[in-house]
Amino acid sequence: MLPPRCAAIAARFPGPASGLAMLAAALLSALALLLASPPAHAGAQREEQLADAVRGALAAAIADARPSRPVFVSAGERDAYLRWVAEMSRRLERRIPEPLIRTELVETVYYEAKRAGLEPALVLGLIQVESNFRKYAISTAGARGLMQVMPFWARTIGDGDARKLFHLQSNLRFGCTILRHYLDRESGDLFLALGRYNGSRGRADYPNAVLAAWKRWQQAEAAATVASAAEPNGALAAAAIGPARAGDAAARLLPAPSRSFGAPASSPPNRLSDPS
């Protein structure tokens, strides 16, 4: 059913032309919803010069064509992963009603985050702050997609086709690779790495927003862990997800990966404060 204003537009065109009028009214309705959506959170990220070796490594990471499916060493790990996917998908139901789209997003977040040595909950938190899970979001600075990747990255470390930033896996591949790069560049300092990612390095608002979202997604992870631990072989399944980390007062530093795109990020601190 069309909204009242759009129905009134369609009523002005009786007869065979009414179908076109209804289509036009529906398009106007969709445009109104789009304009009413909150803007993407991305800041004015600046393009920086990269050393040839760094550019080559990032480009190789982006171009990696291995199958995007995680590999598990035990049935317990696989069961824990499936519970994690189900719980994260359930938490996204209000934002993304379509089950298949939700599941594909959650599975891709898990794979691309682990591949880049990041916690999936951190990536989910960053997506929530950056785009609120809108696949086709575009910021006022021109950043695109779920992780709000600036188009110049497609030229710098991709094949130059910025349209791919609206593709689910391509956007997450770029976003996770770039965040890992910034973490390495900032010696594991998440506050500064997130600032670089958002184009607001040194300011606390954006890192703290991501931190708050990260913690909420970790609470969702804890729920999946508790559910798996309550079942047979739960200890092994719980270990695959990791223990609940409520109240963790870890420092702002994240460990550098033990190998390229390897080690996971640590738990979030209670607050990311300005280092100055």
Protein backbone atom coordinates (compact mmCIF):
# COMPACT_ATOMS: atom_id res chain seq x y z
CA MET A 1 0.00 0.00 0.00
CA LEU A 2 1.26 3.45 -0.92
CA PRO A 3 1.60 6.23 1.64
CA PRO A 4 -1.34 8.73 1.55
CA ARG A 5 0.63 11.41 -0.29
CA CYS A 6 1.79 8.96 -2.95
CA ALA A 7 -1.70 7.48 -3.30
CA ALA A 8 -3.02 10.97 -3.91
CA ILE A 9 -0.51 11.40 -6.73
CA ALA A 10 -1.59 8.11 -8.31
CA ALA A 11 -5.28 9.09 -8.05
CA ARG A 12 -4.68 12.02 -10.36
CA PHE A 13 -4.00 9.62 -13.26
CA PRO A 14 -6.96 7.26 -13.74
CA GLY A 15 -7.06 4.57 -16.41
CA PRO A 16 -4.10 2.84 -18.12
CA ALA A 17 -1.65 5.52 -17.06
CA SER A 18 -2.33 4.82 -13.39
CA GLY A 19 0.31 2.09 -13.31
CA LEU A 20 3.01 4.54 -14.30
CA ALA A 21 1.69 7.02 -11.79
CA MET A 22 1.84 4.44 -9.02
CA LEU A 23 5.40 3.55 -10.02
CA ALA A 24 6.37 7.21 -9.89
CA ALA A 25 4.71 7.57 -6.51
CA ALA A 26 6.55 4.53 -5.18
CA LEU A 27 9.85 5.96 -6.38
CA LEU A 28 9.08 9.24 -4.63
CA SER A 29 8.34 7.29 -1.47
CA ALA A 30 11.64 5.42 -1.69
CA LEU A 31 13.49 8.68 -2.27
CA ALA A 32 11.86 10.18 0.81
CA LEU A 33 12.97 7.23 2.92
CA LEU A 34 16.50 7.53 1.57
CA LEU A 35 16.67 11.21 2.39
CA ALA A 36 15.36 10.49 5.87
CA SER A 37 18.12 7.98 6.60
CA PRO A 38 20.89 9.14 8.92
CA PRO A 39 24.09 10.18 7.16
CA ALA A 40 27.06 7.85 7.11
CA HIS A 41 29.60 8.52 9.86
CA ALA A 42 32.78 8.52 7.77
CA GLY A 43 35.06 11.50 8.11
CA ALA A 44 37.26 13.25 5.56
CA GLN A 45 39.88 10.53 5.27
CA ARG A 46 42.95 11.70 3.35
CA GLU A 47 44.91 9.78 0.78
CA GLU A 48 48.47 9.15 1.92
CA GLN A 49 51.59 8.09 0.10
CA LEU A 50 52.43 4.41 0.55
CA ALA A 51 55.81 2.78 0.21
CA ASP A 52 55.99 0.39 -2.72
CA ALA A 53 56.38 -2.63 -0.42
CA VAL A 54 53.34 -1.61 1.64
CA ARG A 55 51.25 -0.92 -1.43
CA GLY A 56 52.23 -4.28 -2.88
CA ALA A 57 51.35 -6.15 0.31
CA LEU A 58 47.98 -4.43 0.60
CA ALA A 59 47.20 -5.03 -3.07
CA ALA A 60 48.07 -8.72 -2.68
CA ALA A 61 45.75 -8.95 0.34
CA ILE A 62 42.91 -7.36 -1.61
CA ALA A 63 43.43 -9.62 -4.63
CA ASP A 64 43.61 -12.87 -2.63
CA ALA A 65 41.10 -15.16 -4.34
CA ARG A 66 41.06 -18.06 -1.88
CA PRO A 67 37.56 -19.38 -0.99
CA SER A 68 35.96 -17.16 1.63
CA ARG A 69 35.00 -19.93 4.01
CA PRO A 70 36.58 -20.52 7.43
CA VAL A 71 38.31 -23.82 8.12
CA PHE A 72 37.75 -25.54 11.48
CA VAL A 73 39.99 -28.06 13.22
CA SER A 74 37.14 -29.73 15.11
CA ALA A 75 33.39 -30.23 15.10
CA GLY A 76 33.22 -28.18 18.30
CA GLU A 77 34.75 -25.16 16.60
CA ARG A 78 32.35 -25.50 13.71
CA ASP A 79 29.35 -25.75 16.06
CA ALA A 80 30.52 -22.67 17.97
CA TYR A 81 30.86 -20.76 14.69
CA LEU A 82 27.35 -21.73 13.62
CA ARG A 83 25.96 -20.56 16.97
CA TRP A 84 27.88 -17.31 16.62
CA VAL A 85 26.47 -16.74 13.13
CA ALA A 86 22.93 -17.48 14.33
CA GLU A 87 23.20 -15.11 17.29
CA MET A 88 24.74 -12.25 15.33
CA SER A 89 22.13 -12.71 12.60
CA ARG A 90 19.36 -12.59 15.19
CA ARG A 91 20.74 -9.31 16.57
CA LEU A 92 20.64 -7.79 13.10
CA GLU A 93 17.07 -8.81 12.32
CA ARG A 94 15.59 -5.35 12.92
CA ARG A 95 18.16 -3.69 10.67
CA ILE A 96 18.22 -6.35 7.93
CA PRO A 97 14.92 -8.27 7.69
CA GLU A 98 16.01 -10.72 4.96
CA PRO A 99 17.54 -13.84 6.62
CA LEU A 100 19.79 -14.83 3.71
CA ILE A 101 21.25 -11.33 3.40
CA ARG A 102 21.88 -11.19 7.17
CA THR A 103 23.59 -14.56 7.19
CA GLU A 104 25.80 -13.69 4.24
CA LEU A 105 26.83 -10.44 5.92
CA VAL A 106 27.67 -12.09 9.24
CA GLU A 107 29.61 -14.93 7.62
CA THR A 108 31.59 -12.48 5.51
CA VAL A 109 32.36 -10.25 8.50
CA TYR A 110 33.67 -13.28 10.40
CA TYR A 111 35.88 -14.45 7.54
CA GLU A 112 37.31 -11.07 6.57
CA ALA A 113 37.89 -9.99 10.18
CA LYS A 114 39.71 -13.20 11.12
CA ARG A 115 41.70 -13.04 7.91
CA ALA A 116 42.94 -9.55 8.81
CA GLY A 117 43.68 -10.43 12.43
CA LEU A 118 40.70 -8.48 13.81
CA GLU A 119 37.86 -9.44 16.11
CA PRO A 120 34.58 -9.88 14.21
CA ALA A 121 32.83 -7.94 17.00
CA LEU A 122 35.14 -4.98 16.38
CA VAL A 123 34.29 -5.02 12.67
CA LEU A 124 30.57 -5.25 13.42
CA GLY A 125 30.91 -2.29 15.77
CA LEU A 126 32.77 -0.26 13.17
CA ILE A 127 30.14 -1.04 10.51
CA GLN A 128 27.39 -0.01 12.91
CA VAL A 129 29.03 3.36 13.53
CA GLU A 130 30.14 3.96 9.94
CA SER A 131 27.06 2.99 7.92
CA ASN A 132 24.52 1.46 10.32
CA PHE A 133 24.69 -1.67 8.12
CA ARG A 134 23.57 0.14 4.95
CA LYS A 135 25.30 -1.56 2.05
CA TYR A 136 24.94 1.39 -0.33
CA ALA A 137 25.67 4.21 2.11
CA ILE A 138 27.68 7.15 0.78
CA SER A 139 29.09 9.77 3.15
CA THR A 140 29.42 13.47 2.46
CA ALA A 141 33.16 12.80 2.03
CA GLY A 142 32.41 10.18 -0.65
CA ALA A 143 33.18 7.04 1.40
CA ARG A 144 31.19 4.03 0.25
CA GLY A 145 29.50 0.94 1.52
CA LEU A 146 29.26 -0.89 4.83
CA MET A 147 32.75 0.02 6.06
CA GLN A 148 32.77 3.42 4.33
CA VAL A 149 35.86 2.93 2.19
CA MET A 150 37.14 5.95 0.31
CA PRO A 151 37.22 5.46 -3.50
CA PHE A 152 40.92 6.30 -3.78
CA TRP A 153 41.72 2.94 -2.16
CA ALA A 154 40.28 1.16 -5.21
CA ARG A 155 42.83 2.98 -7.32
CA THR A 156 45.73 2.67 -4.87
CA ILE A 157 45.54 -1.02 -3.94
CA GLY A 158 42.70 -2.37 -6.11
CA ASP A 159 41.92 -2.58 -9.79
CA GLY A 160 40.59 0.98 -9.98
CA ASP A 161 36.91 0.03 -10.07
CA ALA A 162 35.34 1.96 -7.17
CA ARG A 163 31.95 0.39 -7.93
CA LYS A 164 33.21 -2.77 -6.22
CA LEU A 165 33.08 -0.91 -2.90
CA PHE A 166 29.32 -1.58 -2.94
CA HIS A 167 29.95 -5.32 -3.23
CA LEU A 168 29.68 -7.01 0.18
CA GLN A 169 32.91 -9.00 0.29
CA SER A 170 34.95 -6.42 -1.62
CA ASN A 171 33.93 -3.67 0.80
CA LEU A 172 34.75 -5.78 3.85
CA ARG A 173 38.01 -6.95 2.29
CA PHE A 174 39.10 -3.35 1.72
CA GLY A 175 37.85 -2.13 5.09
CA CYS A 176 39.46 -4.87 7.18
CA THR A 177 42.73 -4.70 5.25
CA ILE A 178 42.89 -0.91 5.66
CA LEU A 179 42.14 -1.04 9.39
CA ARG A 180 44.82 -3.73 9.86
CA HIS A 181 47.24 -1.51 7.93
CA TYR A 182 46.47 1.45 10.19
CA LEU A 183 46.89 -0.72 13.30
CA ASP A 184 50.30 -1.83 12.07
CA ARG A 185 51.26 1.73 11.21
CA GLU A 186 50.23 2.94 14.68
CA SER A 187 52.05 0.06 16.41
CA GLY A 188 48.79 -1.49 17.52
CA ASP A 189 47.29 1.70 18.96
CA LEU A 190 43.58 1.29 18.29
CA PHE A 191 42.72 4.88 19.21
CA LEU A 192 45.02 6.31 16.54
CA ALA A 193 44.22 3.56 14.01
CA LEU A 194 40.50 4.24 14.23
CA GLY A 195 41.21 7.95 13.97
CA ARG A 196 43.10 7.37 10.72
CA TYR A 197 40.31 5.16 9.44
CA ASN A 198 37.75 7.87 10.08
CA GLY A 199 39.94 10.82 9.12
CA SER A 200 39.78 12.22 12.66
CA ARG A 201 43.12 11.08 14.09
CA GLY A 202 43.71 12.33 17.63
CA ARG A 203 40.05 13.03 18.46
CA ALA A 204 38.16 10.72 20.82
CA ASP A 205 34.54 10.90 19.62
CA TYR A 206 34.80 8.37 16.81
CA PRO A 207 37.05 5.80 18.57
CA ASN A 208 34.80 5.86 21.62
CA ALA A 209 31.70 5.38 19.47
CA VAL A 210 33.27 2.30 17.87
CA LEU A 211 34.35 1.05 21.31
CA ALA A 212 30.80 1.28 22.66
CA ALA A 213 29.41 -0.60 19.65
CA TRP A 214 32.23 -3.16 19.87
CA LYS A 215 31.35 -3.93 23.50
CA ARG A 216 27.68 -4.45 22.64
CA TRP A 217 28.59 -6.96 19.95
CA GLN A 218 30.95 -8.70 22.40
CA GLN A 219 28.00 -9.09 24.77
CA ALA A 220 26.14 -10.79 21.93
CA GLU A 221 29.16 -13.06 21.43
CA ALA A 222 29.09 -13.90 25.13
CA ALA A 223 25.44 -14.98 24.81
CA ALA A 224 26.39 -17.36 22.01
CA THR A 225 29.30 -18.69 24.09
CA VAL A 226 27.10 -19.36 27.12
CA ALA A 227 24.56 -21.17 24.95
CA SER A 228 27.25 -23.40 23.43
CA ALA A 229 28.90 -24.11 26.80
CA ALA A 230 25.56 -25.37 28.17
CA GLU A 231 25.43 -28.16 25.59
CA PRO A 232 27.53 -31.36 25.26
CA ASN A 233 31.14 -30.61 24.29
CA GLY A 234 30.38 -27.02 25.27
CA ALA A 235 33.82 -26.35 26.72
CA LEU A 236 35.46 -26.95 23.36
CA ALA A 237 32.83 -24.91 21.54
CA ALA A 238 33.14 -22.06 24.03
CA ALA A 239 36.90 -21.99 23.59
CA ALA A 240 36.43 -21.50 19.86
CA ILE A 241 34.49 -18.29 20.43
CA GLY A 242 36.46 -17.10 23.45
CA PRO A 243 35.41 -16.26 27.02
CA ALA A 244 33.21 -13.32 27.95
CA ARG A 245 35.33 -10.28 28.58
CA ALA A 246 33.03 -7.99 30.55
CA GLY A 247 34.86 -5.37 32.57
CA ASP A 248 38.13 -5.95 30.78
CA ALA A 249 40.42 -3.01 31.48
CA ALA A 250 42.99 -3.77 28.81
CA ALA A 251 45.26 -1.04 27.52
CA ARG A 252 44.56 0.77 24.28
CA LEU A 253 47.19 -1.21 22.45
CA LEU A 254 46.32 -4.12 20.17
CA PRO A 255 48.98 -6.69 19.36
CA ALA A 256 50.56 -6.63 15.94
CA PRO A 257 49.76 -9.78 13.95
CA SER A 258 52.15 -12.69 14.39
CA ARG A 259 52.13 -13.04 10.63
CA SER A 260 50.58 -11.04 7.82
CA PHE A 261 46.88 -10.64 8.58
CA GLY A 262 47.10 -13.20 11.37
CA ALA A 263 46.62 -12.45 15.05
CA PRO A 264 43.24 -11.35 16.39
CA ALA A 265 42.64 -8.08 18.15
CA SER A 266 42.30 -8.03 21.93
CA SER A 267 39.27 -7.02 23.95
CA PRO A 268 38.26 -3.36 24.01
CA PRO A 269 39.25 -1.18 26.96
CA ASN A 270 36.54 0.58 28.94
CA ARG A 271 37.29 3.83 27.13
CA LEU A 272 39.65 5.01 24.44
CA SER A 273 41.05 8.32 25.60
CA ASP A 274 43.15 10.88 23.81
CA PRO A 275 46.82 9.88 24.35
CA SER A 276 47.77 13.50 24.87
